[in-house]
Amino acid sequence: MRKNEFKKLLQSGKHGLNGWIAVPNSYQAEVYAAQGFDACTIDMQHGAPQMSDVIPLLQAISLSGVTPMVRVPWNEPSHIQRVLDMGAYGVICPMINTKAEAEAFVSSGRYPPMGARSNGPYRASQYGGADYQPNANDEIMLFAMIETREAMKNLDAILSVPGLDGTYVGPSDLSLSYGRPAILDVTDPEVLAEMKAIAQKTRKAGKIAGAHTDGAKTAKKRFDEGYHFCTLFNDIRVLAMAAQNMVREARGLEKAEASKSY
């Protein structure tokens, strides 16, 4: 089976950079993924891609050798299993708040005896290789999103679930859960302390911690706090910022600041 190079990178102790694809256009995804990321994630929760867009986007990402991942809309078996059968090498699942929800997520994403994933990797076996099924449990990465007060209370239990590769923090939702404004560059002391705790506890459990950010400066902060990988701007924000700053420069204006919330 094709090796998961993103997983190997993170397990070696190096930091990883993840791209985020919110536009269901394979040509745009092909160009975006080729800019030096270690992995790229198709966002089906808060992005425009639908299930019918996933295969063309995975194909476009794969051309650059970048590890293809998907954030599914919800912790629902058919979503998780279908994107894996399509060839996703990682799944990020939103709003995992309890151990039981983490166990259900892992069950959907792992073949027996570890889970209950149904066998039928119709494209995954083309991308991953003929020996995909017996090796998929070792190569596929599963990340539980930690983004609420409830998840923080249950974090140790969530991290104890076998087959879960790690956590992925949604700072905006985590901030909202604590009654703070939705923001990716977290400055609130309470929320920031919780984010640091997620990285520390995830590492202590021998798992991988990832976080959503609003760009390189914030990503460097997260790395300093112990996170293994960070997501930078999604494709639509890169396009919007580049166009906006080009126009502003031509008009003699200062460059616009990046959005802090998404």
Protein backbone atom coordinates (compact mmCIF):
# COMPACT_ATOMS: atom_id res chain seq x y z
CA MET A 1 0.00 0.00 0.00
CA ARG A 2 1.14 3.55 -0.74
CA LYS A 3 2.67 4.97 2.43
CA ASN A 4 1.10 7.91 4.24
CA GLU A 5 3.97 10.39 3.95
CA PHE A 6 2.22 12.95 6.16
CA LYS A 7 1.94 10.41 8.95
CA LYS A 8 5.62 9.47 8.57
CA LEU A 9 6.62 13.15 8.68
CA LEU A 10 4.67 13.84 11.88
CA GLN A 11 5.82 10.67 13.60
CA SER A 12 9.42 11.65 12.87
CA GLY A 13 8.95 14.73 15.04
CA LYS A 14 8.85 17.28 12.22
CA HIS A 15 6.15 19.93 11.87
CA GLY A 16 3.60 19.61 9.08
CA LEU A 17 1.69 22.19 7.04
CA ASN A 18 -1.81 21.39 5.89
CA GLY A 19 -3.71 23.16 3.12
CA TRP A 20 -7.48 23.60 3.20
CA ILE A 21 -9.68 23.30 0.13
CA ALA A 22 -13.06 25.02 0.27
CA VAL A 23 -13.67 25.47 -3.47
CA PRO A 24 -14.91 22.47 -5.50
CA ASN A 25 -12.71 23.13 -8.52
CA SER A 26 -10.12 20.50 -9.39
CA TYR A 27 -7.86 22.84 -11.37
CA GLN A 28 -7.71 25.31 -8.49
CA ALA A 29 -7.07 22.44 -6.06
CA GLU A 30 -4.28 21.11 -8.30
CA VAL A 31 -2.50 24.49 -8.31
CA TYR A 32 -3.06 25.13 -4.60
CA ALA A 33 -1.87 21.69 -3.47
CA ALA A 34 1.37 22.03 -5.44
CA GLN A 35 2.65 24.99 -3.39
CA GLY A 36 4.62 23.03 -0.82
CA PHE A 37 2.05 21.69 1.64
CA ASP A 38 2.56 18.32 3.32
CA ALA A 39 -1.16 17.51 3.22
CA CYS A 40 -4.33 19.10 1.86
CA THR A 41 -7.78 18.70 3.34
CA ILE A 42 -11.06 18.95 1.44
CA ASP A 43 -13.57 20.75 3.65
CA MET A 44 -17.03 19.21 3.38
CA GLN A 45 -18.30 20.77 6.61
CA HIS A 46 -17.89 24.51 6.03
CA GLY A 47 -16.64 24.46 2.44
CA ALA A 48 -18.54 24.16 -0.82
CA PRO A 49 -17.44 20.62 -1.85
CA GLN A 50 -20.17 17.98 -2.02
CA MET A 51 -19.67 14.21 -2.15
CA SER A 52 -19.66 14.28 -5.95
CA ASP A 53 -16.71 16.72 -5.86
CA VAL A 54 -14.47 14.59 -3.65
CA ILE A 55 -12.92 12.25 -6.23
CA PRO A 56 -11.90 15.02 -8.69
CA LEU A 57 -10.43 17.02 -5.80
CA LEU A 58 -8.56 13.99 -4.42
CA GLN A 59 -7.17 13.32 -7.89
CA ALA A 60 -6.02 16.93 -8.20
CA ILE A 61 -4.36 16.90 -4.77
CA SER A 62 -2.65 13.58 -5.46
CA LEU A 63 -0.89 14.88 -8.58
CA SER A 64 1.51 16.85 -6.38
CA GLY A 65 2.26 13.94 -4.05
CA VAL A 66 0.58 15.73 -1.14
CA THR A 67 -1.30 13.52 1.33
CA PRO A 68 -5.05 13.88 0.62
CA MET A 69 -7.44 14.29 3.55
CA VAL A 70 -11.11 15.21 4.05
CA ARG A 71 -13.01 16.96 6.80
CA VAL A 72 -16.37 15.23 6.74
CA PRO A 73 -19.61 17.10 7.48
CA TRP A 74 -20.36 15.10 10.62
CA ASN A 75 -19.64 11.94 12.59
CA GLU A 76 -21.73 9.80 10.27
CA PRO A 77 -20.54 6.37 9.04
CA SER A 78 -21.57 6.75 5.41
CA HIS A 79 -19.67 10.05 5.03
CA ILE A 80 -16.54 8.68 6.67
CA GLN A 81 -16.51 5.37 4.82
CA ARG A 82 -17.30 6.88 1.42
CA VAL A 83 -14.45 9.43 1.48
CA LEU A 84 -12.07 6.68 2.58
CA ASP A 85 -13.25 4.43 -0.24
CA MET A 86 -12.62 7.36 -2.58
CA GLY A 87 -8.98 7.50 -1.48
CA ALA A 88 -8.72 9.93 1.42
CA TYR A 89 -5.68 9.09 3.55
CA GLY A 90 -6.91 11.09 6.52
CA VAL A 91 -10.27 12.09 7.98
CA ILE A 92 -10.94 15.03 10.29
CA CYS A 93 -14.26 14.65 12.08
CA PRO A 94 -15.98 17.69 13.66
CA MET A 95 -17.52 18.07 17.10
CA ILE A 96 -16.23 14.97 18.87
CA ASN A 97 -17.35 15.63 22.44
CA THR A 98 -17.32 12.26 24.19
CA LYS A 99 -15.46 8.98 24.29
CA ALA A 100 -18.48 7.25 22.75
CA GLU A 101 -18.44 9.65 19.81
CA ALA A 102 -14.71 9.08 19.34
CA GLU A 103 -15.27 5.32 19.41
CA ALA A 104 -18.03 5.62 16.79
CA PHE A 105 -15.72 7.69 14.59
CA VAL A 106 -12.92 5.14 14.83
CA SER A 107 -15.34 2.29 14.18
CA SER A 108 -16.43 3.95 10.93
CA GLY A 109 -12.85 4.54 9.82
CA ARG A 110 -11.16 1.20 10.68
CA TYR A 111 -11.61 -2.24 9.21
CA PRO A 112 -12.40 -5.16 11.57
CA PRO A 113 -11.33 -6.19 14.09
CA MET A 114 -10.45 -2.62 15.13
CA GLY A 115 -13.64 -1.15 13.66
CA ALA A 116 -16.65 -1.84 11.50
CA ARG A 117 -15.71 -0.23 8.20
CA SER A 118 -17.30 -2.04 5.29
CA ASN A 119 -14.98 -3.36 2.60
CA GLY A 120 -15.23 -1.70 -0.83
CA PRO A 121 -12.30 0.67 -1.48
CA TYR A 122 -13.16 1.16 -5.13
CA ARG A 123 -10.83 4.11 -5.79
CA ALA A 124 -8.70 3.77 -2.66
CA SER A 125 -7.30 0.48 -3.97
CA GLN A 126 -6.33 2.20 -7.23
CA TYR A 127 -4.62 5.06 -5.42
CA GLY A 128 -3.30 3.08 -2.46
CA GLY A 129 -2.50 -0.22 -4.14
CA ALA A 130 -3.89 -3.73 -4.42
CA ASP A 131 -2.91 -4.48 -0.83
CA TYR A 132 -4.92 -1.51 0.49
CA GLN A 133 -7.41 -3.37 2.66
CA PRO A 134 -5.00 -5.31 4.91
CA ASN A 135 -2.83 -2.22 5.46
CA ALA A 136 -5.34 0.63 5.59
CA ASN A 137 -5.71 0.60 9.38
CA ASP A 138 -1.99 1.35 9.68
CA GLU A 139 -1.83 4.12 7.08
CA ILE A 140 -5.13 6.01 7.37
CA MET A 141 -5.18 8.86 9.91
CA LEU A 142 -8.24 9.75 12.00
CA PHE A 143 -8.43 13.09 13.82
CA ALA A 144 -11.14 14.08 16.28
CA MET A 145 -11.97 17.78 16.36
CA ILE A 146 -11.89 19.22 19.88
CA GLU A 147 -13.91 22.43 19.86
CA THR A 148 -16.26 22.61 22.86
CA ARG A 149 -16.27 22.78 26.66
CA GLU A 150 -17.76 19.29 26.72
CA ALA A 151 -14.91 17.92 24.65
CA MET A 152 -12.40 19.51 27.02
CA LYS A 153 -14.05 17.80 30.00
CA ASN A 154 -13.83 14.47 28.18
CA LEU A 155 -10.44 14.98 26.53
CA ASP A 156 -8.56 12.30 28.47
CA ALA A 157 -11.28 9.76 27.70
CA ILE A 158 -11.33 10.72 24.02
CA LEU A 159 -7.56 10.36 23.80
CA SER A 160 -7.75 6.89 25.34
CA VAL A 161 -9.66 5.51 22.33
CA PRO A 162 -7.53 2.99 20.37
CA GLY A 163 -7.28 3.70 16.66
CA LEU A 164 -7.62 7.47 17.04
CA ASP A 165 -4.50 9.12 15.62
CA GLY A 166 -4.97 12.48 17.26
CA THR A 167 -6.87 15.70 17.78
CA TYR A 168 -7.57 18.70 15.61
CA VAL A 169 -8.54 21.99 17.22
CA GLY A 170 -11.17 24.32 15.82
CA PRO A 171 -10.23 27.53 17.69
CA SER A 172 -13.27 29.49 16.51
CA ASP A 173 -15.82 27.00 17.84
CA LEU A 174 -13.76 26.43 20.99
CA SER A 175 -13.77 30.18 21.61
CA LEU A 176 -17.53 30.37 21.02
CA SER A 177 -18.06 27.52 23.47
CA TYR A 178 -16.37 29.63 26.15
CA GLY A 179 -18.45 32.69 25.33
CA ARG A 180 -15.66 34.42 23.43
CA PRO A 181 -15.62 35.77 19.85
CA ALA A 182 -14.84 33.25 17.12
CA ILE A 183 -11.16 33.73 16.39
CA LEU A 184 -8.29 31.61 15.04
CA ASP A 185 -5.44 33.61 16.55
CA VAL A 186 -6.60 32.98 20.11
CA THR A 187 -5.62 35.60 22.69
CA ASP A 188 -8.17 34.97 25.46
CA PRO A 189 -6.22 33.49 28.41
CA GLU A 190 -8.78 30.81 29.27
CA VAL A 191 -9.21 29.53 25.71
CA LEU A 192 -5.48 29.76 25.06
CA ALA A 193 -4.78 27.68 28.18
CA GLU A 194 -7.23 25.04 26.94
CA MET A 195 -5.53 24.95 23.55
CA LYS A 196 -2.15 24.46 25.17
CA ALA A 197 -3.65 21.68 27.30
CA ILE A 198 -4.95 19.91 24.19
CA ALA A 199 -1.48 19.85 22.64
CA GLN A 200 0.16 18.69 25.86
CA LYS A 201 -2.37 15.95 26.62
CA THR A 202 -2.41 14.74 23.03
CA ARG A 203 1.37 14.42 23.04
CA LYS A 204 1.30 12.66 26.42
CA ALA A 205 -1.13 10.13 24.96
CA GLY A 206 1.31 9.46 22.13
CA LYS A 207 -0.98 10.99 19.53
CA ILE A 208 -0.78 13.84 17.01
CA ALA A 209 -2.14 17.35 17.63
CA GLY A 210 -3.26 19.62 14.79
CA ALA A 211 -4.82 23.08 14.74
CA HIS A 212 -6.57 25.47 12.40
CA THR A 213 -4.84 28.85 12.07
CA ASP A 214 -5.11 32.14 10.21
CA GLY A 215 -1.65 31.97 8.69
CA ALA A 216 2.05 31.47 9.26
CA LYS A 217 2.47 33.71 12.32
CA THR A 218 -0.26 31.91 14.27
CA ALA A 219 0.97 28.51 13.07
CA LYS A 220 4.39 29.25 14.54
CA LYS A 221 2.74 30.02 17.89
CA ARG A 222 0.89 26.69 17.78
CA PHE A 223 4.10 24.83 16.96
CA ASP A 224 5.77 26.47 19.96
CA GLU A 225 2.87 25.25 22.11
CA GLY A 226 3.40 21.65 21.01
CA TYR A 227 1.18 21.17 17.98
CA HIS A 228 2.48 18.78 15.33
CA PHE A 229 0.73 20.29 12.31
CA CYS A 230 -1.21 23.40 11.41
CA THR A 231 -3.61 24.38 8.67
CA LEU A 232 -2.93 27.70 6.92
CA PHE A 233 -5.35 29.80 4.89
CA ASN A 234 -7.90 27.95 2.80
CA ASP A 235 -7.86 28.36 -0.95
CA ILE A 236 -10.65 30.95 -1.12
CA ARG A 237 -8.96 33.17 1.49
CA VAL A 238 -5.65 32.98 -0.41
CA LEU A 239 -7.42 34.00 -3.63
CA ALA A 240 -9.37 36.81 -1.96
CA MET A 241 -6.36 38.21 -0.08
CA ALA A 242 -4.06 38.10 -3.11
CA ALA A 243 -6.61 39.88 -5.30
CA GLN A 244 -7.48 42.41 -2.60
CA ASN A 245 -3.87 43.29 -1.85
CA MET A 246 -3.05 43.58 -5.54
CA VAL A 247 -5.89 46.06 -5.99
CA ARG A 248 -4.98 47.97 -2.83
CA GLU A 249 -1.31 48.20 -3.85
CA ALA A 250 -2.29 49.58 -7.25
CA ARG A 251 -4.36 52.23 -5.49
CA GLY A 252 -1.59 53.14 -3.08
CA LEU A 253 -3.34 51.69 -0.03
CA GLU A 254 -1.96 49.54 2.77
CA LYS A 255 -2.34 45.79 2.53
CA ALA A 256 -5.46 44.32 4.12
CA GLU A 257 -5.19 42.20 7.26
CA ALA A 258 -6.18 38.56 7.16
CA SER A 259 -9.45 37.44 8.67
CA LYS A 260 -9.05 36.18 12.23
CA SER A 261 -12.13 33.97 12.21
CA TYR A 262 -11.86 31.60 9.24
